[in-house]
Each structure stands twice: as structure tokens, then as C-alpha cells.
Amino acid sequence: MPLWKDGAFIANDWQMLDDEAAVPDGVPVFVSLARWRAERETLGGRNAPVGLVLAPDSDWRDVVDDLPRFAAIAVSVPKFVDGRAFSIARLLRDRDGYAGEIRAVGDFFIDQVPFMARVGIDAFQAEDPILVKAFEKGEWPEVKSYLQPAIGKAEIPAGTRPWARRRG
């Protein structure tokens, strides 16, 4: 599936593994939180990158110390109306200090991408052909004002409402 990162499509050689699937040698893999907990030592000793998949209802506080071991974390968006991936990404960046790639996977659309980027999602695995076309054409919706601050960006408070922001 196409992977959009840093303004372009890049190679996506990562495999999403089911909990029962064999772990291939030398290939970057995403595993579930449950599988990581069960196979931490084995997976942590691999020579290829390991990523973590966080479902919308995940509680990963018991593995926060392991987060630097993950080359990427995939936040699952099962339906475009489910905003929990936004909260998960924000918590990973702000609370847990995760500095690696956070990848959106699942059912989202181009209008959500600027907001996802604001909370720390920096890669987008596009399955929908409409989303892929939008990325290819550079159809990035402009949003000039926001109600939440962004991750790692200096912004100017907008007017008399200190919680409102606009791009600097």
C-alpha cells in the first residue's frame, strides 16, 4: 500500500502481522500490542525493525519504556469518524516523548490529514484510491485557524481567544 511521508510517496516494505503469523526474517514488521507483550524478548532481538500497532482502545502505558525500540508506531483508524488515533498520537508525542514515525493506517480522508499532522502523525498509509489521487495531485486542504496547538510548531494566538491558533 502506498505510504505518504514528507510530501512524497516512499517505499513501504513493512508488513502488518497477525498475532498468529510467523515473523519473517529481515523484514520490517508491525505487531499488535498483545503480541509485543507476549513476545517482547524475541521481537526485540530481531535484526529488522519492529513497529507497534495501536488500536483505538489501546492502553500502552505498561510499554512506554519500550517505545524507543519501535522504528514506527501505526495508529489505527477503523472508521473515518473515529478520532481516537488523534488522541493516541498526541499522547505518544506529548506525554510519552515518542520521537519516531507515527503512521496513520485505515479509513481516513484527505481533509483529516492536516489535523493528523498537527497532533504528530507524520506518515500516512493510503489504501483508498481517492486519497492516493489527492496526495498525487497535491490536494492538501488549507486550514488557517485551529483550536488546538500543534506539535513542535510555533504558532500565534488568534485574536482575543488564547486557545485559538493560526499558522505563523
Protein backbone atom coordinates (compact mmCIF):
# COMPACT_ATOMS: atom_id res chain seq x y z
CA MET A 1 0.00 0.00 0.00
CA PRO A 2 1.29 3.47 -0.80
CA LEU A 3 2.95 5.38 2.03
CA TRP A 4 2.95 9.18 2.03
CA LYS A 5 5.66 10.85 4.11
CA ASP A 6 7.50 14.16 3.91
CA GLY A 7 5.45 15.30 0.92
CA ALA A 8 6.00 12.27 -1.30
CA PHE A 9 5.23 8.60 -1.71
CA ILE A 10 8.03 6.39 -0.39
CA ALA A 11 8.69 2.66 -0.44
CA ASN A 12 6.62 0.74 2.07
CA ASP A 13 8.29 -2.57 2.81
CA TRP A 14 6.66 -3.01 6.22
CA GLN A 15 4.39 -5.99 6.83
CA MET A 16 1.40 -5.96 9.18
CA LEU A 17 1.45 -9.27 11.03
CA ASP A 18 -1.49 -11.07 12.54
CA ASP A 19 -0.83 -12.39 16.02
CA GLU A 20 -0.62 -15.97 14.70
CA ALA A 21 1.55 -15.23 11.65
CA ALA A 22 5.19 -16.28 11.53
CA VAL A 23 7.66 -13.41 11.79
CA PRO A 24 9.69 -13.21 8.57
CA ASP A 25 13.45 -12.66 8.81
CA GLY A 26 14.97 -9.39 7.67
CA VAL A 27 11.66 -7.63 7.00
CA PRO A 28 10.27 -4.68 8.96
CA VAL A 29 7.06 -5.77 10.72
CA PHE A 30 4.22 -4.22 12.68
CA VAL A 31 2.88 -6.28 15.57
CA SER A 32 -0.06 -5.80 17.88
CA LEU A 33 0.34 -4.59 21.43
CA ALA A 34 -0.74 -8.02 22.69
CA ARG A 35 1.90 -9.77 20.59
CA TRP A 36 4.60 -7.36 21.73
CA ARG A 37 3.71 -8.06 25.36
CA ALA A 38 3.79 -11.83 24.78
CA GLU A 39 6.97 -11.92 22.63
CA ARG A 40 8.90 -8.84 23.77
CA GLU A 41 12.29 -10.56 24.10
CA THR A 42 12.11 -12.43 20.80
CA LEU A 43 10.80 -9.47 18.82
CA GLY A 44 13.18 -7.04 20.49
CA GLY A 45 16.16 -9.17 19.42
CA ARG A 46 15.37 -9.07 15.70
CA ASN A 47 17.82 -7.58 13.18
CA ALA A 48 14.98 -5.89 11.29
CA PRO A 49 12.81 -3.01 12.53
CA VAL A 50 9.74 -3.69 14.65
CA GLY A 51 6.73 -1.43 14.76
CA LEU A 52 3.75 -1.37 17.08
CA VAL A 53 0.09 -1.19 16.04
CA LEU A 54 -2.12 0.69 18.47
CA ALA A 55 -5.84 0.05 18.13
CA PRO A 56 -8.23 2.84 19.16
CA ASP A 57 -8.92 1.28 22.57
CA SER A 58 -5.25 0.56 23.42
CA ASP A 59 -3.65 1.25 26.78
CA TRP A 60 0.10 1.13 26.20
CA ARG A 61 1.26 2.73 29.47
CA ASP A 62 2.95 -0.53 30.54
CA VAL A 63 5.22 -0.45 27.46
CA VAL A 64 6.16 3.26 27.46
CA ASP A 65 9.76 2.33 28.32
CA ASP A 66 9.82 0.16 25.18
CA LEU A 67 8.68 2.94 22.80
CA PRO A 68 12.24 3.90 21.71
CA ARG A 69 12.65 0.31 20.46
CA PHE A 70 9.96 0.85 17.81
CA ALA A 71 11.01 2.33 14.48
CA ALA A 72 7.37 3.21 13.81
CA ILE A 73 4.01 3.13 15.52
CA ALA A 74 0.86 2.65 13.46
CA VAL A 75 -2.30 4.24 14.83
CA SER A 76 -5.38 2.51 13.53
CA VAL A 77 -8.32 4.47 12.15
CA PRO A 78 -11.09 1.85 11.75
CA LYS A 79 -13.64 4.44 10.56
CA PHE A 80 -13.10 8.00 9.41
CA VAL A 81 -15.40 9.23 12.20
CA ASP A 82 -13.24 7.62 14.91
CA GLY A 83 -10.91 10.31 16.26
CA ARG A 84 -9.08 8.24 18.85
CA ALA A 85 -5.99 7.97 16.61
CA PHE A 86 -5.60 11.74 17.00
CA SER A 87 -5.56 11.41 20.79
CA ILE A 88 -3.20 8.44 20.71
CA ALA A 89 -0.71 10.32 18.51
CA ARG A 90 -0.87 13.39 20.76
CA LEU A 91 -0.26 11.28 23.87
CA LEU A 92 2.63 9.44 22.22
CA ARG A 93 4.34 12.72 21.36
CA ASP A 94 3.47 14.90 24.39
CA ARG A 95 3.13 12.53 27.32
CA ASP A 96 5.38 9.66 26.26
CA GLY A 97 8.06 11.55 24.30
CA TYR A 98 7.96 9.22 21.29
CA ALA A 99 10.11 10.70 18.51
CA GLY A 100 9.81 8.01 15.81
CA GLU A 101 7.38 7.71 12.94
CA ILE A 102 3.68 7.69 13.73
CA ARG A 103 1.76 6.26 10.81
CA ALA A 104 -1.99 6.55 10.21
CA VAL A 105 -3.48 3.34 8.83
CA GLY A 106 -7.08 2.62 7.99
CA ASP A 107 -10.09 4.63 6.92
CA PHE A 108 -9.35 8.36 6.77
CA PHE A 109 -9.63 11.01 4.10
CA ILE A 110 -7.59 13.97 2.85
CA ASP A 111 -9.48 16.58 4.89
CA GLN A 112 -8.27 14.89 8.09
CA VAL A 113 -4.59 14.77 7.11
CA PRO A 114 -3.66 18.37 8.13
CA PHE A 115 -5.23 17.78 11.54
CA MET A 116 -3.45 14.43 11.89
CA ALA A 117 -0.14 16.14 11.12
CA ARG A 118 -0.81 18.72 13.86
CA VAL A 119 -1.01 16.02 16.52
CA GLY A 120 2.19 14.27 15.44
CA ILE A 121 1.20 11.80 12.73
CA ASP A 122 3.90 12.08 10.09
CA ALA A 123 3.21 9.18 7.70
CA PHE A 124 0.00 8.11 6.01
CA GLN A 125 -0.62 4.63 4.64
CA ALA A 126 -3.16 5.24 1.90
CA GLU A 127 -5.48 2.41 0.93
CA ASP A 128 -8.27 4.46 -0.61
CA PRO A 129 -7.65 5.29 -4.31
CA ILE A 130 -9.33 8.67 -3.83
CA LEU A 131 -6.86 9.53 -1.04
CA VAL A 132 -3.92 8.34 -3.16
CA LYS A 133 -5.07 10.60 -6.03
CA ALA A 134 -5.41 13.55 -3.67
CA PHE A 135 -1.85 13.04 -2.41
CA GLU A 136 -0.57 12.68 -6.01
CA LYS A 137 -2.29 15.89 -7.10
CA GLY A 138 -1.16 17.82 -4.03
CA GLU A 139 -4.75 18.48 -2.99
CA TRP A 140 -3.93 19.42 0.55
CA PRO A 141 -6.80 21.31 2.19
CA GLU A 142 -5.69 24.59 3.72
CA VAL A 143 -6.77 25.20 7.28
CA LYS A 144 -5.88 28.67 8.51
CA SER A 145 -7.19 28.57 12.08
CA TYR A 146 -7.10 25.84 14.72
CA LEU A 147 -8.38 25.38 18.24
CA GLN A 148 -5.58 23.11 19.46
CA PRO A 149 -1.85 23.84 19.43
CA ALA A 150 0.37 21.86 17.09
CA ILE A 151 3.23 19.52 17.91
CA GLY A 152 6.58 21.23 17.51
CA LYS A 153 5.39 24.33 15.67
CA ALA A 154 5.41 27.93 16.87
CA GLU A 155 2.00 29.47 16.39
CA ILE A 156 0.38 32.78 17.02
CA PRO A 157 -2.66 33.01 19.30
CA ALA A 158 -5.54 34.28 17.18
CA GLY A 159 -7.23 37.44 18.43
CA THR A 160 -8.73 37.57 21.90
CA ARG A 161 -9.22 33.79 22.20
CA PRO A 162 -5.93 32.43 23.61
CA TRP A 163 -6.91 28.84 22.78
CA ALA A 164 -7.35 29.62 19.07
CA ARG A 165 -4.24 29.45 16.88
CA ARG A 166 -3.19 30.44 13.42
CA ARG A 167 -0.15 29.46 11.45
CA GLY A 168 2.85 31.74 11.87
